[in-house]
């Protein structure tokens, strides 16, 4: 850090994983119209998914689970077209691994951040060029997630790349990612989720300069 300051006159601050989760949560809730007070923010990644429960801008609990799009793509061979039975088996396995979400009070609102959810939103809008302002605040209901799962399930990776809104690099893992999102909706008793395009840097800005 001293070398960075000596060469660039920049002070670097290394933050913990917990602080990163807190700032990401703050970013998600500070730039959306909130419904109710009991909130869940999640980020479903490639190897794991992070969950943060809170009230307003106050975090109550956060944890990470080893459930991710890459893991389940490899486990169930979801990179290309697969039978419906394979998707159903993956959904059951994901639900088992996400059992930590069960038995909790139902959140008033679920907010999704991260690449899987922003891609689902971009596909819903049919965006040929990604627009964060369009994606941010998009509400995706369970029926739309189911529709996209079926679209991914019946296509090869190359055919998925032709879907408007899908980033080509995510073609192999988007089916598994959508299955993770769908399972989270089921386990939290939700009919829909709201997508946030805002991330860590937005949380820093919101905290230091105001939403």
N, C-alpha and C. Protein backbone atom coordinates (compact mmCIF):
# COMPACT_ATOMS: atom_id res chain seq x y z
N UNK A 1 0.83 -1.21 0.00
CA UNK A 1 0.00 0.00 0.00
C UNK A 1 0.86 1.26 0.00
N UNK A 2 2.00 1.18 0.71
CA UNK A 2 2.90 2.33 0.74
C UNK A 2 3.46 2.61 -0.64
N UNK A 3 3.76 1.53 -1.39
CA UNK A 3 4.29 1.72 -2.74
C UNK A 3 3.26 2.40 -3.65
N UNK A 4 2.00 2.01 -3.49
CA UNK A 4 0.94 2.64 -4.29
C UNK A 4 0.83 4.12 -3.96
N UNK A 5 0.98 4.44 -2.67
CA UNK A 5 0.91 5.85 -2.29
C UNK A 5 2.12 6.62 -2.83
N UNK A 6 3.30 6.00 -2.72
CA UNK A 6 4.52 6.68 -3.18
C UNK A 6 4.46 6.96 -4.67
N UNK A 7 3.92 6.03 -5.45
CA UNK A 7 3.92 6.18 -6.90
C UNK A 7 2.70 6.93 -7.44
N UNK A 8 1.56 6.76 -6.76
CA UNK A 8 0.31 7.33 -7.30
C UNK A 8 -0.36 8.33 -6.37
N UNK A 9 0.16 8.45 -5.14
CA UNK A 9 -0.46 9.30 -4.13
C UNK A 9 -1.91 8.87 -3.84
N UNK A 10 -2.11 7.55 -3.84
CA UNK A 10 -3.42 6.99 -3.52
C UNK A 10 -3.33 6.17 -2.25
N UNK A 11 -4.26 6.39 -1.34
CA UNK A 11 -4.34 5.58 -0.13
C UNK A 11 -5.29 4.41 -0.39
N UNK A 12 -4.78 3.19 -0.29
CA UNK A 12 -5.60 2.00 -0.50
C UNK A 12 -6.14 1.48 0.82
N UNK A 13 -7.34 1.01 0.79
CA UNK A 13 -7.98 0.45 1.98
C UNK A 13 -8.44 -0.97 1.67
N UNK A 14 -7.92 -1.93 2.39
CA UNK A 14 -8.32 -3.33 2.20
C UNK A 14 -9.45 -3.63 3.16
N UNK A 15 -10.56 -4.13 2.61
CA UNK A 15 -11.73 -4.40 3.45
C UNK A 15 -11.94 -5.90 3.60
N UNK A 16 -12.63 -6.27 4.65
CA UNK A 16 -12.91 -7.68 4.92
C UNK A 16 -14.09 -8.15 4.07
N UNK A 17 -14.28 -9.47 4.03
CA UNK A 17 -15.42 -10.03 3.33
C UNK A 17 -16.74 -9.55 3.91
N UNK A 18 -16.80 -9.42 5.22
CA UNK A 18 -18.02 -8.94 5.86
C UNK A 18 -18.32 -7.50 5.47
N UNK A 19 -17.26 -6.69 5.39
CA UNK A 19 -17.45 -5.29 5.01
C UNK A 19 -17.89 -5.20 3.55
N UNK A 20 -17.35 -6.07 2.71
CA UNK A 20 -17.76 -6.11 1.31
C UNK A 20 -19.24 -6.44 1.20
N UNK A 21 -19.68 -7.43 1.99
CA UNK A 21 -21.10 -7.82 1.96
C UNK A 21 -21.98 -6.68 2.45
N UNK A 22 -21.52 -5.98 3.49
CA UNK A 22 -22.30 -4.87 4.03
C UNK A 22 -22.46 -3.75 3.00
N UNK A 23 -21.39 -3.43 2.31
CA UNK A 23 -21.45 -2.35 1.33
C UNK A 23 -22.29 -2.75 0.12
N UNK A 24 -22.21 -4.02 -0.28
CA UNK A 24 -23.04 -4.49 -1.39
C UNK A 24 -24.51 -4.43 -1.01
N UNK A 25 -24.82 -4.79 0.23
CA UNK A 25 -26.20 -4.71 0.72
C UNK A 25 -26.66 -3.25 0.72
N UNK A 26 -25.82 -2.37 1.22
CA UNK A 26 -26.16 -0.95 1.24
C UNK A 26 -26.42 -0.43 -0.17
N UNK A 27 -25.59 -0.84 -1.12
CA UNK A 27 -25.79 -0.41 -2.51
C UNK A 27 -27.13 -0.88 -3.04
N UNK A 28 -27.47 -2.14 -2.73
CA UNK A 28 -28.71 -2.71 -3.25
C UNK A 28 -29.94 -2.00 -2.70
N UNK A 29 -29.93 -1.68 -1.40
CA UNK A 29 -31.13 -1.14 -0.78
C UNK A 29 -31.22 0.39 -0.90
N UNK A 30 -30.10 1.05 -1.18
CA UNK A 30 -30.11 2.51 -1.18
C UNK A 30 -30.63 3.10 -2.49
N UNK A 31 -30.65 2.29 -3.55
CA UNK A 31 -31.00 2.82 -4.86
C UNK A 31 -32.28 2.20 -5.42
N UNK A 32 -33.07 1.58 -4.55
CA UNK A 32 -34.33 0.96 -4.97
C UNK A 32 -35.46 1.42 -4.07
N UNK A 33 -36.66 1.42 -4.61
CA UNK A 33 -37.84 1.64 -3.78
C UNK A 33 -38.15 0.35 -3.05
N UNK A 34 -38.08 0.38 -1.74
CA UNK A 34 -38.20 -0.84 -0.95
C UNK A 34 -39.65 -1.14 -0.63
N UNK A 35 -39.97 -2.42 -0.64
CA UNK A 35 -41.30 -2.89 -0.26
C UNK A 35 -41.18 -3.60 1.08
N UNK A 36 -41.72 -3.00 2.11
CA UNK A 36 -41.62 -3.60 3.44
C UNK A 36 -40.28 -3.33 4.08
N UNK A 37 -40.06 -3.98 5.22
CA UNK A 37 -38.86 -3.70 6.01
C UNK A 37 -37.93 -4.90 6.09
N UNK A 38 -38.47 -6.11 5.98
CA UNK A 38 -37.65 -7.31 6.09
C UNK A 38 -37.09 -7.65 4.71
N UNK A 39 -35.76 -7.54 4.54
CA UNK A 39 -35.14 -7.64 3.22
C UNK A 39 -34.16 -8.80 3.14
N UNK A 40 -34.05 -9.34 1.95
CA UNK A 40 -33.00 -10.31 1.63
C UNK A 40 -32.32 -9.86 0.35
N UNK A 41 -31.00 -9.74 0.41
CA UNK A 41 -30.18 -9.46 -0.76
C UNK A 41 -29.29 -10.68 -1.00
N UNK A 42 -29.29 -11.18 -2.23
CA UNK A 42 -28.42 -12.31 -2.52
C UNK A 42 -27.64 -12.08 -3.80
N UNK A 43 -26.49 -12.72 -3.86
CA UNK A 43 -25.62 -12.69 -5.03
C UNK A 43 -25.25 -14.12 -5.35
N UNK A 44 -25.81 -14.67 -6.43
CA UNK A 44 -25.51 -16.05 -6.81
C UNK A 44 -24.36 -16.04 -7.81
N UNK A 45 -23.23 -16.60 -7.40
CA UNK A 45 -22.03 -16.56 -8.22
C UNK A 45 -21.76 -17.90 -8.89
N UNK A 46 -20.50 -18.08 -9.29
CA UNK A 46 -20.12 -19.30 -9.97
C UNK A 46 -19.88 -20.47 -9.03
N UNK A 47 -19.21 -20.18 -7.91
CA UNK A 47 -18.91 -21.25 -6.97
C UNK A 47 -19.68 -21.18 -5.68
N UNK A 48 -20.23 -20.01 -5.37
CA UNK A 48 -20.97 -19.85 -4.12
C UNK A 48 -22.00 -18.75 -4.27
N UNK A 49 -22.89 -18.69 -3.28
CA UNK A 49 -23.91 -17.64 -3.25
C UNK A 49 -23.90 -17.00 -1.87
N UNK A 50 -24.05 -15.68 -1.85
CA UNK A 50 -24.04 -14.94 -0.59
C UNK A 50 -25.44 -14.41 -0.29
N UNK A 51 -25.81 -14.48 0.97
CA UNK A 51 -27.14 -14.05 1.41
C UNK A 51 -26.99 -13.09 2.57
N UNK A 52 -27.72 -11.97 2.48
CA UNK A 52 -27.69 -10.96 3.53
C UNK A 52 -29.12 -10.60 3.90
N UNK A 53 -29.47 -10.82 5.15
CA UNK A 53 -30.79 -10.47 5.67
C UNK A 53 -30.66 -9.18 6.48
N UNK A 54 -31.65 -8.32 6.33
CA UNK A 54 -31.60 -7.08 7.08
C UNK A 54 -32.94 -6.39 7.16
N UNK A 55 -32.95 -5.29 7.91
CA UNK A 55 -34.10 -4.40 8.02
C UNK A 55 -33.63 -3.02 7.59
N UNK A 56 -34.19 -2.50 6.50
CA UNK A 56 -33.74 -1.21 6.01
C UNK A 56 -32.26 -1.26 5.68
N UNK A 57 -31.48 -0.33 6.24
CA UNK A 57 -30.05 -0.32 5.95
C UNK A 57 -29.24 -1.05 7.03
N UNK A 58 -29.94 -1.82 7.88
CA UNK A 58 -29.27 -2.53 8.98
C UNK A 58 -29.20 -4.02 8.69
N UNK A 59 -27.99 -4.57 8.64
CA UNK A 59 -27.79 -6.00 8.40
C UNK A 59 -28.00 -6.77 9.69
N UNK A 60 -28.75 -7.88 9.58
CA UNK A 60 -28.96 -8.75 10.73
C UNK A 60 -28.17 -10.05 10.63
N UNK A 61 -28.03 -10.57 9.41
CA UNK A 61 -27.33 -11.84 9.24
C UNK A 61 -26.81 -11.94 7.82
N UNK A 62 -25.65 -12.54 7.67
CA UNK A 62 -25.12 -12.79 6.33
C UNK A 62 -24.34 -14.10 6.34
N UNK A 63 -24.43 -14.82 5.24
CA UNK A 63 -23.70 -16.09 5.15
C UNK A 63 -23.50 -16.45 3.68
N UNK A 64 -22.57 -17.36 3.45
CA UNK A 64 -22.26 -17.83 2.10
C UNK A 64 -22.47 -19.33 2.05
N UNK A 65 -23.00 -19.82 0.92
CA UNK A 65 -23.24 -21.24 0.72
C UNK A 65 -22.55 -21.66 -0.57
N UNK A 66 -21.97 -22.85 -0.57
CA UNK A 66 -21.26 -23.35 -1.75
C UNK A 66 -22.23 -23.84 -2.81
N UNK A 67 -23.04 -22.93 -3.29
CA UNK A 67 -23.99 -23.21 -4.38
C UNK A 67 -23.75 -22.15 -5.45
N UNK A 68 -23.35 -22.60 -6.63
CA UNK A 68 -23.07 -21.65 -7.70
C UNK A 68 -23.31 -22.24 -9.07
N UNK A 69 -23.36 -21.38 -10.06
CA UNK A 69 -23.71 -21.80 -11.42
C UNK A 69 -22.67 -22.74 -12.01
N UNK A 70 -21.39 -22.49 -11.77
CA UNK A 70 -20.36 -23.35 -12.32
C UNK A 70 -20.42 -24.74 -11.69
N UNK A 71 -20.58 -24.77 -10.38
CA UNK A 71 -20.64 -26.05 -9.66
C UNK A 71 -21.75 -26.95 -10.22
N UNK A 72 -22.93 -26.39 -10.40
CA UNK A 72 -24.06 -27.22 -10.82
C UNK A 72 -24.07 -27.46 -12.32
N UNK A 73 -23.46 -26.58 -13.07
CA UNK A 73 -23.27 -26.86 -14.50
C UNK A 73 -22.42 -28.11 -14.67
N UNK A 74 -21.33 -28.19 -13.92
CA UNK A 74 -20.45 -29.34 -14.02
C UNK A 74 -21.09 -30.60 -13.44
N UNK A 75 -21.80 -30.45 -12.34
CA UNK A 75 -22.38 -31.61 -11.67
C UNK A 75 -23.47 -32.27 -12.50
N UNK A 76 -24.29 -31.48 -13.20
CA UNK A 76 -25.44 -32.02 -13.92
C UNK A 76 -25.32 -31.88 -15.44
N UNK A 77 -24.18 -31.40 -15.91
CA UNK A 77 -23.98 -31.28 -17.35
C UNK A 77 -24.95 -30.32 -18.01
N UNK A 78 -25.10 -29.13 -17.43
CA UNK A 78 -26.10 -28.16 -17.88
C UNK A 78 -25.57 -27.16 -18.91
N UNK A 79 -24.39 -27.40 -19.45
CA UNK A 79 -23.80 -26.44 -20.39
C UNK A 79 -24.52 -26.41 -21.73
N UNK A 80 -25.26 -27.46 -22.04
CA UNK A 80 -26.01 -27.52 -23.29
C UNK A 80 -27.42 -27.99 -23.07
N UNK A 81 -28.08 -28.40 -24.13
CA UNK A 81 -29.47 -28.87 -24.04
C UNK A 81 -29.53 -30.15 -23.20
N UNK A 82 -30.52 -30.22 -22.34
CA UNK A 82 -30.69 -31.38 -21.45
C UNK A 82 -32.16 -31.73 -21.32
N UNK A 83 -32.48 -32.97 -20.94
CA UNK A 83 -33.88 -33.34 -20.69
C UNK A 83 -34.44 -32.59 -19.49
N UNK A 84 -35.74 -32.45 -19.44
CA UNK A 84 -36.39 -31.78 -18.31
C UNK A 84 -36.07 -32.49 -17.00
N UNK A 85 -35.93 -33.80 -17.04
CA UNK A 85 -35.64 -34.56 -15.82
C UNK A 85 -34.31 -34.14 -15.21
N UNK A 86 -33.36 -33.76 -16.04
CA UNK A 86 -32.06 -33.32 -15.53
C UNK A 86 -32.20 -31.99 -14.78
N UNK A 87 -32.97 -31.08 -15.33
CA UNK A 87 -33.22 -29.81 -14.66
C UNK A 87 -33.94 -30.03 -13.34
N UNK A 88 -34.94 -30.90 -13.34
CA UNK A 88 -35.67 -31.18 -12.10
C UNK A 88 -34.75 -31.74 -11.03
N UNK A 89 -33.84 -32.62 -11.43
CA UNK A 89 -32.89 -33.18 -10.47
C UNK A 89 -31.96 -32.11 -9.92
N UNK A 90 -31.54 -31.20 -10.80
CA UNK A 90 -30.67 -30.11 -10.35
C UNK A 90 -31.40 -29.21 -9.36
N UNK A 91 -32.66 -28.91 -9.63
CA UNK A 91 -33.45 -28.06 -8.72
C UNK A 91 -33.57 -28.70 -7.34
N UNK A 92 -33.78 -30.01 -7.30
CA UNK A 92 -33.87 -30.71 -6.01
C UNK A 92 -32.55 -30.63 -5.27
N UNK A 93 -31.44 -30.84 -5.97
CA UNK A 93 -30.12 -30.79 -5.34
C UNK A 93 -29.79 -29.39 -4.83
N UNK A 94 -30.13 -28.39 -5.61
CA UNK A 94 -29.89 -27.00 -5.19
C UNK A 94 -30.69 -26.68 -3.93
N UNK A 95 -31.96 -27.11 -3.91
CA UNK A 95 -32.80 -26.86 -2.74
C UNK A 95 -32.22 -27.53 -1.50
N UNK A 96 -31.67 -28.71 -1.66
CA UNK A 96 -31.05 -29.41 -0.53
C UNK A 96 -29.87 -28.61 0.01
N UNK A 97 -29.03 -28.12 -0.90
CA UNK A 97 -27.85 -27.39 -0.48
C UNK A 97 -28.18 -25.99 0.07
N UNK A 98 -29.37 -25.48 -0.29
CA UNK A 98 -29.79 -24.16 0.21
C UNK A 98 -30.80 -24.29 1.36
N UNK A 99 -30.77 -25.41 2.04
CA UNK A 99 -31.75 -25.64 3.12
C UNK A 99 -31.63 -24.63 4.25
N UNK A 100 -30.52 -23.92 4.31
CA UNK A 100 -30.33 -22.88 5.34
C UNK A 100 -31.33 -21.74 5.18
N UNK A 101 -31.94 -21.65 4.00
CA UNK A 101 -32.95 -20.61 3.77
C UNK A 101 -34.33 -21.00 4.29
N UNK A 102 -34.53 -22.25 4.58
CA UNK A 102 -35.85 -22.72 4.99
C UNK A 102 -36.14 -22.37 6.44
N UNK A 103 -37.43 -22.26 6.75
CA UNK A 103 -37.86 -22.04 8.12
C UNK A 103 -37.63 -20.64 8.65
N UNK A 104 -37.39 -19.69 7.78
CA UNK A 104 -37.17 -18.31 8.19
C UNK A 104 -38.42 -17.48 7.92
N UNK A 105 -38.57 -16.36 8.61
CA UNK A 105 -39.68 -15.45 8.28
C UNK A 105 -39.58 -15.03 6.82
N UNK A 106 -40.71 -14.94 6.15
CA UNK A 106 -40.72 -14.58 4.74
C UNK A 106 -40.26 -13.14 4.56
N UNK A 107 -39.25 -12.90 3.73
CA UNK A 107 -38.83 -11.51 3.48
C UNK A 107 -39.94 -10.72 2.80
N UNK A 108 -40.00 -9.43 3.10
CA UNK A 108 -40.94 -8.56 2.40
C UNK A 108 -40.48 -8.30 0.96
N UNK A 109 -39.18 -8.36 0.76
CA UNK A 109 -38.63 -8.09 -0.57
C UNK A 109 -37.32 -8.84 -0.72
N UNK A 110 -37.12 -9.41 -1.91
CA UNK A 110 -35.87 -10.10 -2.24
C UNK A 110 -35.20 -9.33 -3.37
N UNK A 111 -33.94 -8.96 -3.17
CA UNK A 111 -33.16 -8.21 -4.15
C UNK A 111 -32.00 -9.09 -4.61
N UNK A 112 -31.85 -9.19 -5.93
CA UNK A 112 -30.79 -10.02 -6.50
C UNK A 112 -29.73 -9.13 -7.14
N UNK A 113 -28.46 -9.43 -6.84
CA UNK A 113 -27.35 -8.73 -7.47
C UNK A 113 -26.46 -9.77 -8.13
N UNK A 114 -25.58 -9.33 -9.00
CA UNK A 114 -24.65 -10.25 -9.63
C UNK A 114 -25.02 -10.58 -11.07
N UNK A 115 -24.09 -11.26 -11.75
CA UNK A 115 -24.20 -11.49 -13.17
C UNK A 115 -25.37 -12.34 -13.62
N UNK A 116 -25.70 -13.39 -12.86
CA UNK A 116 -26.83 -14.21 -13.28
C UNK A 116 -28.11 -13.40 -13.33
N UNK A 117 -28.39 -12.67 -12.29
CA UNK A 117 -29.65 -11.94 -12.21
C UNK A 117 -29.71 -10.78 -13.19
N UNK A 118 -28.59 -10.08 -13.38
CA UNK A 118 -28.62 -8.98 -14.36
C UNK A 118 -28.78 -9.52 -15.77
N UNK A 119 -28.26 -10.71 -16.05
CA UNK A 119 -28.48 -11.32 -17.36
C UNK A 119 -29.93 -11.74 -17.54
N UNK A 120 -30.54 -12.28 -16.51
CA UNK A 120 -31.96 -12.64 -16.60
C UNK A 120 -32.80 -11.40 -16.89
N UNK A 121 -32.44 -10.29 -16.25
CA UNK A 121 -33.17 -9.04 -16.49
C UNK A 121 -32.96 -8.53 -17.90
N UNK A 122 -31.71 -8.59 -18.37
CA UNK A 122 -31.41 -8.13 -19.73
C UNK A 122 -32.14 -8.97 -20.77
N UNK A 123 -32.24 -10.28 -20.51
CA UNK A 123 -32.98 -11.15 -21.42
C UNK A 123 -34.46 -10.82 -21.40
N UNK A 124 -35.00 -10.56 -20.22
CA UNK A 124 -36.41 -10.18 -20.14
C UNK A 124 -36.70 -8.97 -21.01
N UNK A 125 -35.79 -8.01 -21.02
CA UNK A 125 -35.97 -6.78 -21.81
C UNK A 125 -35.52 -6.95 -23.26
N UNK A 126 -34.85 -8.06 -23.57
CA UNK A 126 -34.37 -8.27 -24.93
C UNK A 126 -33.31 -7.27 -25.34
N UNK A 127 -32.41 -6.92 -24.42
CA UNK A 127 -31.41 -5.89 -24.69
C UNK A 127 -30.31 -6.41 -25.61
N UNK A 128 -30.12 -5.75 -26.72
CA UNK A 128 -29.00 -6.09 -27.59
C UNK A 128 -27.71 -5.45 -27.10
N UNK A 129 -27.82 -4.39 -26.33
CA UNK A 129 -26.69 -3.76 -25.66
C UNK A 129 -27.06 -3.55 -24.20
N UNK A 130 -26.19 -3.97 -23.31
CA UNK A 130 -26.50 -3.89 -21.89
C UNK A 130 -26.70 -2.45 -21.45
N UNK A 131 -27.79 -2.21 -20.73
CA UNK A 131 -28.09 -0.87 -20.23
C UNK A 131 -28.37 -1.00 -18.73
N UNK A 132 -27.43 -0.58 -17.87
CA UNK A 132 -27.62 -0.75 -16.43
C UNK A 132 -28.85 -0.03 -15.89
N UNK A 133 -29.22 1.09 -16.50
CA UNK A 133 -30.38 1.83 -16.02
C UNK A 133 -31.69 1.09 -16.32
N UNK A 134 -31.70 0.31 -17.39
CA UNK A 134 -32.88 -0.50 -17.70
C UNK A 134 -32.93 -1.73 -16.79
N UNK A 135 -31.78 -2.35 -16.60
CA UNK A 135 -31.70 -3.57 -15.79
C UNK A 135 -32.01 -3.27 -14.32
N UNK A 136 -31.48 -2.17 -13.81
CA UNK A 136 -31.65 -1.84 -12.40
C UNK A 136 -33.12 -1.61 -12.07
N UNK A 137 -33.60 -2.33 -11.07
CA UNK A 137 -34.99 -2.20 -10.66
C UNK A 137 -35.94 -3.12 -11.40
N UNK A 138 -35.43 -3.93 -12.32
CA UNK A 138 -36.29 -4.86 -13.04
C UNK A 138 -36.88 -5.89 -12.09
N UNK A 139 -38.17 -6.09 -12.18
CA UNK A 139 -38.85 -7.12 -11.40
C UNK A 139 -39.01 -8.35 -12.28
N UNK A 140 -38.51 -9.48 -11.80
CA UNK A 140 -38.61 -10.75 -12.52
C UNK A 140 -39.46 -11.70 -11.70
N UNK A 141 -40.57 -12.13 -12.26
CA UNK A 141 -41.42 -13.06 -11.51
C UNK A 141 -41.03 -14.50 -11.80
N UNK A 142 -41.59 -15.40 -11.02
CA UNK A 142 -41.22 -16.81 -11.12
C UNK A 142 -41.55 -17.38 -12.49
N UNK A 143 -42.65 -16.95 -13.08
CA UNK A 143 -43.02 -17.44 -14.41
C UNK A 143 -41.96 -17.08 -15.45
N UNK A 144 -41.40 -15.87 -15.34
CA UNK A 144 -40.36 -15.45 -16.28
C UNK A 144 -39.10 -16.29 -16.09
N UNK A 145 -38.74 -16.58 -14.85
CA UNK A 145 -37.58 -17.43 -14.62
C UNK A 145 -37.82 -18.81 -15.20
N UNK A 146 -39.02 -19.35 -14.99
CA UNK A 146 -39.36 -20.66 -15.56
C UNK A 146 -39.28 -20.63 -17.08
N UNK A 147 -39.76 -19.55 -17.69
CA UNK A 147 -39.72 -19.43 -19.15
C UNK A 147 -38.28 -19.44 -19.65
N UNK A 148 -37.42 -18.71 -18.95
CA UNK A 148 -36.03 -18.66 -19.38
C UNK A 148 -35.32 -20.00 -19.14
N UNK A 149 -35.62 -20.66 -18.04
CA UNK A 149 -35.04 -21.97 -17.80
C UNK A 149 -35.37 -22.92 -18.95
N UNK A 150 -36.61 -22.90 -19.39
CA UNK A 150 -37.02 -23.77 -20.49
C UNK A 150 -36.31 -23.39 -21.79
N UNK A 151 -36.14 -22.09 -22.01
CA UNK A 151 -35.42 -21.64 -23.21
C UNK A 151 -33.97 -22.10 -23.19
N UNK A 152 -33.31 -22.01 -22.04
CA UNK A 152 -31.92 -22.45 -21.93
C UNK A 152 -31.82 -23.98 -22.04
N UNK A 153 -32.77 -24.66 -21.41
CA UNK A 153 -32.73 -26.13 -21.37
C UNK A 153 -32.77 -26.74 -22.77
N UNK A 154 -33.47 -26.12 -23.66
CA UNK A 154 -33.69 -26.69 -24.99
C UNK A 154 -32.68 -26.21 -26.03
N UNK A 155 -31.67 -25.48 -25.60
CA UNK A 155 -30.68 -24.93 -26.52
C UNK A 155 -29.27 -25.35 -26.16
N UNK A 156 -28.45 -25.49 -27.18
CA UNK A 156 -27.02 -25.69 -26.96
C UNK A 156 -26.40 -24.37 -26.50
N UNK A 157 -25.16 -24.43 -26.05
CA UNK A 157 -24.49 -23.19 -25.63
C UNK A 157 -24.43 -22.19 -26.77
N UNK A 158 -24.14 -22.67 -27.97
CA UNK A 158 -24.05 -21.77 -29.11
C UNK A 158 -25.41 -21.15 -29.41
N UNK A 159 -26.47 -21.93 -29.32
CA UNK A 159 -27.81 -21.39 -29.56
C UNK A 159 -28.21 -20.40 -28.49
N UNK A 160 -27.77 -20.62 -27.27
CA UNK A 160 -28.07 -19.67 -26.19
C UNK A 160 -27.42 -18.32 -26.46
N UNK A 161 -26.26 -18.32 -27.08
CA UNK A 161 -25.56 -17.06 -27.35
C UNK A 161 -26.35 -16.16 -28.29
N UNK A 162 -27.31 -16.71 -28.97
CA UNK A 162 -28.14 -15.92 -29.88
C UNK A 162 -29.32 -15.25 -29.16
N UNK A 163 -29.50 -15.56 -27.87
CA UNK A 163 -30.59 -14.96 -27.10
C UNK A 163 -30.23 -13.52 -26.76
N UNK A 164 -31.08 -12.58 -27.15
CA UNK A 164 -30.84 -11.17 -26.87
C UNK A 164 -30.79 -10.92 -25.36
N UNK A 165 -29.75 -10.26 -24.92
CA UNK A 165 -29.59 -9.94 -23.51
C UNK A 165 -28.61 -10.83 -22.77
N UNK A 166 -28.32 -12.01 -23.33
CA UNK A 166 -27.40 -12.93 -22.65
C UNK A 166 -25.97 -12.62 -23.06
N UNK A 167 -25.11 -12.40 -22.08
CA UNK A 167 -23.69 -12.22 -22.36
C UNK A 167 -23.13 -13.56 -22.85
N UNK A 168 -22.46 -13.58 -24.01
CA UNK A 168 -22.00 -14.84 -24.60
C UNK A 168 -21.18 -15.70 -23.65
N UNK A 169 -20.36 -15.08 -22.79
CA UNK A 169 -19.50 -15.85 -21.89
C UNK A 169 -20.29 -16.63 -20.84
N UNK A 170 -21.55 -16.29 -20.67
CA UNK A 170 -22.38 -16.97 -19.66
C UNK A 170 -23.26 -18.07 -20.26
N UNK A 171 -23.10 -18.34 -21.54
CA UNK A 171 -23.99 -19.29 -22.20
C UNK A 171 -23.96 -20.67 -21.55
N UNK A 172 -22.79 -21.13 -21.14
CA UNK A 172 -22.69 -22.47 -20.56
C UNK A 172 -23.27 -22.57 -19.16
N UNK A 173 -23.25 -21.46 -18.40
CA UNK A 173 -23.62 -21.55 -16.98
C UNK A 173 -24.96 -20.90 -16.66
N UNK A 174 -25.61 -20.28 -17.64
CA UNK A 174 -26.83 -19.52 -17.33
C UNK A 174 -27.98 -20.42 -16.90
N UNK A 175 -28.07 -21.64 -17.43
CA UNK A 175 -29.16 -22.53 -17.01
C UNK A 175 -29.03 -22.86 -15.53
N UNK A 176 -27.84 -23.24 -15.11
CA UNK A 176 -27.64 -23.54 -13.69
C UNK A 176 -27.88 -22.31 -12.83
N UNK A 177 -27.41 -21.15 -13.30
CA UNK A 177 -27.64 -19.92 -12.54
C UNK A 177 -29.11 -19.61 -12.39
N UNK A 178 -29.88 -19.80 -13.46
CA UNK A 178 -31.32 -19.55 -13.39
C UNK A 178 -31.99 -20.53 -12.44
N UNK A 179 -31.50 -21.76 -12.40
CA UNK A 179 -32.05 -22.76 -11.47
C UNK A 179 -31.79 -22.36 -10.01
N UNK A 180 -30.62 -21.79 -9.76
CA UNK A 180 -30.33 -21.30 -8.40
C UNK A 180 -31.29 -20.18 -8.02
N UNK A 181 -31.48 -19.23 -8.92
CA UNK A 181 -32.40 -18.12 -8.66
C UNK A 181 -33.82 -18.64 -8.42
N UNK A 182 -34.25 -19.57 -9.25
CA UNK A 182 -35.61 -20.12 -9.10
C UNK A 182 -35.78 -20.81 -7.76
N UNK A 183 -34.76 -21.52 -7.32
CA UNK A 183 -34.83 -22.22 -6.04
C UNK A 183 -34.89 -21.24 -4.88
N UNK A 184 -34.15 -20.14 -4.97
CA UNK A 184 -34.19 -19.12 -3.92
C UNK A 184 -35.60 -18.54 -3.81
N UNK A 185 -36.24 -18.28 -4.93
CA UNK A 185 -37.63 -17.79 -4.91
C UNK A 185 -38.52 -18.79 -4.19
N UNK A 186 -38.38 -20.05 -4.52
CA UNK A 186 -39.22 -21.09 -3.91
C UNK A 186 -39.02 -21.17 -2.40
N UNK A 187 -37.75 -21.22 -1.98
CA UNK A 187 -37.45 -21.42 -0.56
C UNK A 187 -37.80 -20.21 0.30
N UNK A 188 -37.84 -19.04 -0.31
CA UNK A 188 -38.18 -17.82 0.44
C UNK A 188 -39.65 -17.43 0.28
N UNK A 189 -40.41 -18.25 -0.43
CA UNK A 189 -41.84 -18.00 -0.57
C UNK A 189 -42.17 -16.78 -1.40
N UNK A 190 -41.36 -16.50 -2.42
CA UNK A 190 -41.53 -15.29 -3.23
C UNK A 190 -42.11 -15.61 -4.60
N UNK A 191 -42.91 -14.68 -5.10
CA UNK A 191 -43.40 -14.78 -6.47
C UNK A 191 -42.50 -14.02 -7.44
N UNK A 192 -41.65 -13.13 -6.91
CA UNK A 192 -40.81 -12.31 -7.78
C UNK A 192 -39.64 -11.76 -6.98
N UNK A 193 -38.64 -11.28 -7.71
CA UNK A 193 -37.50 -10.61 -7.10
C UNK A 193 -37.22 -9.33 -7.88
N UNK A 194 -36.45 -8.45 -7.26
CA UNK A 194 -36.05 -7.20 -7.90
C UNK A 194 -34.55 -7.22 -8.12
N UNK A 195 -34.12 -6.87 -9.32
CA UNK A 195 -32.71 -6.92 -9.68
C UNK A 195 -32.05 -5.56 -9.41
N UNK A 196 -30.89 -5.62 -8.80
CA UNK A 196 -30.07 -4.42 -8.60
C UNK A 196 -28.81 -4.52 -9.43
N UNK A 197 -28.53 -3.50 -10.21
CA UNK A 197 -27.28 -3.44 -10.97
C UNK A 197 -26.17 -2.79 -10.16
N UNK A 198 -26.48 -2.34 -8.98
CA UNK A 198 -25.50 -1.61 -8.16
C UNK A 198 -24.65 -2.59 -7.36
N UNK A 199 -23.37 -2.27 -7.22
CA UNK A 199 -22.44 -3.15 -6.52
C UNK A 199 -21.65 -2.44 -5.45
N UNK A 200 -20.50 -3.03 -5.14
CA UNK A 200 -19.69 -2.56 -4.02
C UNK A 200 -19.34 -1.08 -4.12
N UNK A 201 -18.92 -0.64 -5.29
CA UNK A 201 -18.50 0.76 -5.42
C UNK A 201 -19.67 1.71 -5.15
N UNK A 202 -20.88 1.28 -5.52
CA UNK A 202 -22.05 2.11 -5.25
C UNK A 202 -22.33 2.18 -3.74
N UNK A 203 -22.04 1.08 -3.04
CA UNK A 203 -22.20 1.09 -1.59
C UNK A 203 -21.25 2.07 -0.93
N UNK A 204 -20.02 2.12 -1.42
CA UNK A 204 -19.03 3.07 -0.89
C UNK A 204 -19.51 4.50 -1.12
N UNK A 205 -19.97 4.77 -2.33
CA UNK A 205 -20.46 6.12 -2.65
C UNK A 205 -21.67 6.48 -1.81
N UNK A 206 -22.60 5.52 -1.64
CA UNK A 206 -23.82 5.80 -0.87
C UNK A 206 -23.49 6.12 0.58
N UNK A 207 -22.51 5.39 1.13
CA UNK A 207 -22.17 5.60 2.54
C UNK A 207 -21.42 6.92 2.75
N UNK A 208 -20.54 7.24 1.83
CA UNK A 208 -19.66 8.39 2.05
C UNK A 208 -20.25 9.69 1.54
N UNK A 209 -21.12 9.60 0.54
CA UNK A 209 -21.64 10.82 -0.07
C UNK A 209 -23.16 10.90 -0.06
N UNK A 210 -23.83 9.84 0.42
CA UNK A 210 -25.27 9.85 0.46
C UNK A 210 -25.88 9.21 -0.77
N UNK A 211 -27.02 8.55 -0.59
CA UNK A 211 -27.67 7.83 -1.69
C UNK A 211 -28.11 8.79 -2.78
